[in-house]
Protein backbone atom coordinates (compact mmCIF):
# COMPACT_ATOMS: atom_id res chain seq x y z
CA UNK A 1 0.44 -0.16 0.10
CA UNK A 2 1.21 3.53 -0.88
CA UNK A 3 -0.07 5.35 2.21
CA UNK A 4 0.51 9.68 1.94
CA UNK A 5 -0.67 12.47 4.45
CA UNK A 6 -3.65 13.99 2.72
CA UNK A 7 -5.37 16.09 5.72
CA UNK A 8 -6.33 15.50 8.08
CA UNK A 9 -6.10 11.44 7.15
CA UNK A 10 -4.25 9.74 4.42
CA UNK A 11 -5.28 8.53 1.35
CA UNK A 12 -4.18 4.95 -0.07
CA UNK A 13 -3.44 3.53 -3.10
CA UNK A 14 -2.62 -0.04 -3.93
CA UNK A 15 0.23 -1.19 -5.62
CA UNK A 16 -1.99 -2.59 -7.88
CA UNK A 17 -3.60 0.68 -8.97
CA UNK A 18 -0.07 1.94 -9.23
CA UNK A 19 1.21 -0.47 -11.35
CA UNK A 20 -1.93 0.23 -13.86
CA UNK A 21 -1.00 3.96 -13.89
CA UNK A 22 2.45 3.31 -14.63
CA UNK A 23 1.47 0.86 -17.80
CA UNK A 24 -1.06 3.70 -18.59
CA UNK A 25 1.85 6.03 -18.52
CA UNK A 26 4.14 4.36 -20.43
CA UNK A 27 1.72 2.65 -23.11
CA UNK A 28 1.22 6.13 -24.53
CA UNK A 29 4.68 7.58 -24.79
CA UNK A 30 5.32 8.59 -28.72
CA UNK A 31 8.88 7.10 -28.85
CA UNK A 32 10.41 5.51 -31.94
CA UNK A 33 12.19 3.00 -29.71
CA UNK A 34 8.35 1.91 -27.68
CA UNK A 35 6.17 2.24 -30.52
CA UNK A 36 8.52 -0.40 -32.73
CA UNK A 37 9.75 -2.64 -29.59
CA UNK A 38 9.68 -6.09 -30.46
CA UNK A 39 8.67 -6.53 -26.98
CA UNK A 40 6.14 -3.72 -26.70
CA UNK A 41 2.94 -5.71 -25.30
CA UNK A 42 4.97 -7.61 -23.00
CA UNK A 43 6.80 -4.94 -21.70
CA UNK A 44 3.86 -3.35 -20.89
CA UNK A 45 2.06 -6.08 -19.39
CA UNK A 46 4.99 -6.74 -16.74
CA UNK A 47 4.72 -2.91 -16.22
CA UNK A 48 1.05 -3.64 -15.13
CA UNK A 49 2.13 -6.38 -13.19
CA UNK A 50 5.24 -5.50 -11.78
CA UNK A 51 3.47 -5.39 -8.11
CA UNK A 52 1.30 -8.60 -8.30
CA UNK A 53 2.75 -9.68 -5.49
CA UNK A 54 1.60 -7.05 -3.20
CA UNK A 55 -2.07 -7.95 -4.02
CA UNK A 56 -2.49 -10.01 -0.82
CA UNK A 57 -0.70 -7.15 1.58
CA UNK A 58 -3.05 -4.73 0.31
CA UNK A 59 -6.40 -6.64 0.57
CA UNK A 60 -5.66 -6.89 4.76
CA UNK A 61 -3.28 -3.86 5.10
CA UNK A 62 -0.79 -3.86 8.00
CA UNK A 63 -1.40 -1.13 10.77
CA UNK A 64 0.94 1.71 11.84
CA UNK A 65 0.68 2.49 14.51
CA UNK A 66 2.63 5.48 14.78
CA UNK A 67 1.02 6.94 11.73
CA UNK A 68 -1.86 5.85 13.01
CA UNK A 69 -2.90 4.79 9.37
CA UNK A 70 -2.06 1.74 7.34
CA UNK A 71 1.44 0.88 6.86
CA UNK A 72 3.34 2.10 3.63
CA UNK A 73 5.25 -0.09 1.53
CA UNK A 74 8.53 1.54 2.19
CA UNK A 75 8.21 0.61 6.07
CA UNK A 76 7.47 -3.46 5.54
CA UNK A 77 9.98 -5.67 7.06
CA UNK A 78 12.89 -8.09 5.23
CA UNK A 79 11.01 -11.09 5.64
CA UNK A 80 7.52 -9.55 4.41
CA UNK A 81 9.24 -7.69 1.65
CA UNK A 82 10.91 -11.03 0.32
CA UNK A 83 8.15 -13.07 0.57
CA UNK A 84 6.08 -10.41 -1.46
CA UNK A 85 9.07 -10.09 -4.03
CA UNK A 86 9.13 -13.94 -4.50
CA UNK A 87 4.98 -14.11 -4.71
CA UNK A 88 5.32 -11.48 -7.63
CA UNK A 89 7.76 -13.25 -9.53
CA UNK A 90 6.20 -16.99 -9.67
CA UNK A 91 2.94 -15.89 -10.33
CA UNK A 92 3.61 -15.49 -13.53
CA UNK A 93 6.63 -17.79 -14.21
CA UNK A 94 4.54 -20.82 -16.10
CA UNK A 95 2.49 -18.61 -18.35
CA UNK A 96 5.32 -15.96 -19.24
CA UNK A 97 9.24 -16.45 -18.10
CA UNK A 98 10.34 -13.25 -19.71
CA UNK A 99 8.15 -11.71 -17.86
CA UNK A 100 8.81 -13.02 -14.43
CA UNK A 101 12.66 -12.53 -15.25
CA UNK A 102 12.21 -9.16 -16.12
CA UNK A 103 10.01 -8.92 -12.25
CA UNK A 104 12.91 -10.57 -10.93
CA UNK A 105 15.71 -7.79 -12.19
CA UNK A 106 13.27 -5.83 -11.24
CA UNK A 107 13.53 -7.13 -7.66
CA UNK A 108 16.94 -7.35 -7.72
CA UNK A 109 17.22 -3.35 -8.68
CA UNK A 110 15.33 -2.41 -5.84
CA UNK A 111 17.49 -4.12 -3.66
CA UNK A 112 20.25 -1.43 -3.81
CA UNK A 113 19.69 0.01 -0.69
CA UNK A 114 20.30 -3.39 1.16
CA UNK A 115 23.37 -4.47 -0.65
CA UNK A 116 26.19 -4.33 2.08
CA UNK A 117 23.11 -6.30 4.76
CA UNK A 118 24.35 -10.13 4.89
CA UNK A 119 20.27 -10.67 5.76
CA UNK A 120 19.37 -10.11 2.22
CA UNK A 121 22.39 -11.68 0.75
CA UNK A 122 20.82 -15.17 0.40
CA UNK A 123 17.57 -13.81 -0.85
CA UNK A 124 20.06 -12.08 -3.71
CA UNK A 125 21.56 -14.89 -4.57
CA UNK A 126 18.22 -17.12 -4.85
CA UNK A 127 16.75 -14.09 -7.26
CA UNK A 128 19.91 -14.13 -9.71
CA UNK A 129 19.80 -18.04 -9.95
CA UNK A 130 15.80 -18.09 -10.57
CA UNK A 131 16.20 -15.10 -12.52
CA UNK A 132 18.78 -17.25 -14.98
CA UNK A 133 16.50 -20.53 -14.76
CA UNK A 134 13.53 -18.23 -16.19
CA UNK A 135 15.49 -16.63 -19.09
CA UNK A 136 16.73 -20.02 -20.18
CA UNK A 137 13.08 -21.44 -20.34
CA UNK A 138 11.98 -18.24 -22.17
CA UNK A 139 14.65 -18.74 -24.77
CA UNK A 140 15.55 -14.94 -24.10
CA UNK A 141 19.13 -13.51 -22.82
CA UNK A 142 20.14 -10.68 -20.48
CA UNK A 143 20.77 -8.01 -23.11
CA UNK A 144 16.99 -8.34 -23.58
CA UNK A 145 16.69 -7.28 -19.69
CA UNK A 146 19.30 -4.86 -20.07
CA UNK A 147 16.70 -3.22 -22.62
CA UNK A 148 13.72 -3.76 -21.10
CA UNK A 149 14.19 -3.18 -17.06
CA UNK A 150 15.04 0.79 -17.86
CA UNK A 151 11.71 1.46 -19.31
CA UNK A 152 9.80 -0.62 -16.53
CA UNK A 153 12.19 1.52 -13.81
CA UNK A 154 11.01 5.12 -15.88
CA UNK A 155 7.28 4.05 -15.57
CA UNK A 156 7.70 2.48 -11.72
CA UNK A 157 9.06 6.18 -10.74
CA UNK A 158 7.05 8.22 -12.63
CA UNK A 159 3.44 6.29 -10.98
CA UNK A 160 4.93 6.51 -7.87
CA UNK A 161 5.57 10.56 -8.30
CA UNK A 162 2.14 11.20 -9.04
CA UNK A 163 0.88 8.54 -6.30
CA UNK A 164 2.75 10.57 -3.37
CA UNK A 165 3.61 13.84 -4.52
CA UNK A 166 7.06 13.56 -4.26
CA UNK A 167 8.79 14.35 -7.62
CA UNK A 168 12.64 12.67 -6.07
CA UNK A 169 11.11 9.10 -7.49
CA UNK A 170 12.13 10.73 -10.32
CA UNK A 171 15.80 10.78 -10.63
CA UNK A 172 17.01 9.29 -13.68
CA UNK A 173 18.85 11.09 -16.78
CA UNK A 174 17.63 12.56 -18.67
CA UNK A 175 14.48 12.68 -17.16
CA UNK A 176 13.04 16.00 -15.60
CA UNK A 177 10.20 15.87 -13.41
CA UNK A 178 8.21 18.26 -11.19
CA UNK A 179 4.95 17.49 -9.57
CA UNK A 180 2.32 19.58 -7.58
CA UNK A 181 -1.11 19.38 -6.62
CA UNK A 182 -3.53 21.55 -8.20
CA UNK A 183 -5.98 23.54 -5.82
CA UNK A 184 -9.77 23.09 -7.33
CA UNK A 185 -10.85 19.45 -6.91
CA UNK A 186 -14.33 18.42 -6.59
CA UNK A 187 -16.33 19.89 -4.16
CA UNK A 188 -17.35 16.81 -2.58
CA UNK A 189 -13.73 15.38 -2.40
CA UNK A 190 -12.39 14.65 0.83
CA UNK A 191 -9.35 17.45 2.12
CA UNK A 192 -6.57 16.58 -0.20
CA UNK A 193 -8.90 15.03 -3.30
CA UNK A 194 -6.75 17.82 -5.83
CA UNK A 195 -5.97 16.71 -9.15
CA UNK A 196 -2.05 15.98 -9.63
CA UNK A 197 -0.17 17.87 -12.16
CA UNK A 198 3.08 16.56 -13.35
CA UNK A 199 5.28 18.39 -15.40
CA UNK A 200 7.94 16.27 -17.35
CA UNK A 201 10.75 16.92 -19.59
CA UNK A 202 11.87 15.52 -21.97
CA UNK A 203 7.88 15.13 -23.00
CA UNK A 204 6.94 11.78 -24.33
CA UNK A 205 3.29 12.25 -25.36
CA UNK A 206 1.25 13.91 -28.18
CA UNK A 207 0.24 16.73 -26.02
CA UNK A 208 -0.92 17.29 -22.24
CA UNK A 209 -2.71 13.98 -21.23
CA UNK A 210 -5.04 12.87 -18.41
CA UNK A 211 -4.92 9.44 -16.41
CA UNK A 212 -6.95 8.27 -13.36
CA UNK A 213 -5.81 7.15 -10.21
CA UNK A 214 -7.89 5.17 -8.34
CA UNK A 215 -7.53 5.46 -4.02
CA UNK A 216 -9.39 5.73 -0.94
CA UNK A 217 -8.86 8.05 2.08
CA UNK A 218 -8.57 7.06 5.54
CA UNK A 219 -9.57 9.71 8.76
CA UNK A 220 -7.09 9.68 11.21
CA UNK A 221 -6.80 7.29 13.85
CA UNK A 222 -5.90 5.72 16.45
CA UNK A 223 -7.06 2.34 15.16
CA UNK A 224 -6.58 -0.04 17.46
CA UNK A 225 -5.69 -2.83 15.73
CA UNK A 226 -5.80 -4.43 12.21
CA UNK A 227 -9.07 -5.36 11.96
CA UNK A 228 -10.36 -2.11 13.19
CA UNK A 229 -7.98 -0.62 10.29
CA UNK A 230 -9.73 -2.90 7.85
CA UNK A 231 -13.62 -2.20 8.54
CA UNK A 232 -12.38 1.66 8.44
CA UNK A 233 -10.94 1.01 4.94
CA UNK A 234 -13.63 -0.98 4.15
CA UNK A 235 -15.79 1.59 4.30
CA UNK A 236 -13.75 4.05 2.57
CA UNK A 237 -15.62 4.58 -1.19
CA UNK A 238 -13.09 4.73 -3.67
CA UNK A 239 -12.60 7.54 -5.45
CA UNK A 240 -10.92 9.37 -8.76
CA UNK A 241 -7.93 11.29 -9.04
CA UNK A 242 -7.27 13.44 -12.05
CA UNK A 243 -3.29 13.35 -13.01
CA UNK A 244 -2.66 15.70 -15.41
CA UNK A 245 1.15 15.49 -17.38
CA UNK A 246 2.14 18.62 -19.54
CA UNK A 247 5.93 19.70 -20.83
CA UNK A 248 8.10 20.99 -18.17
């Protein structure tokens, strides 16, 4: 779950909705290297499913007692994170081993903050071995992953910037980004339910383009348990935020 402050409480975006936005963004890039990409549809599907391992966790979000809200994905403990990443790779391994290999590459890239942590070494080695097995099953080479993973990383980070309102997610040359919340959301919406505007350079779209992001809002706690959090979340209606992308 992606959890951001939205006074007086918090806004929650599932990893599935974040991944769907990531794929929607990349699908409309008007760049020749993507329009003519030999694995275009497979790449877009991998992006749309790159956080599929979080489905179960987002269905029953953990409680962050300190923030009096759901636990943000950045604060998930190592053991659970490894379980989620393994599940995300294996879910599509039989159906599409190359897609699973690309998802394994995504996991390995995200491991960089823990490279020096011995607790992650066994997982890293297992994921490297599994990726090789999946590539062999797909009849593909690491060169294909080297082409495709940067697109997954870019789409992932663009969507995270939209979901969190934090431009720092996109620190990938030559891309530059500014993100702002525009005042004037729907009068019936809760505080914080304003459109998000992203200014992007280089600009890969045909023109100013709008997307939608699904989310829910939680009033501030405290919640006495994860069960009480789940009850409150179940009563929260789904809302859609407009995400507008324009040239920087």
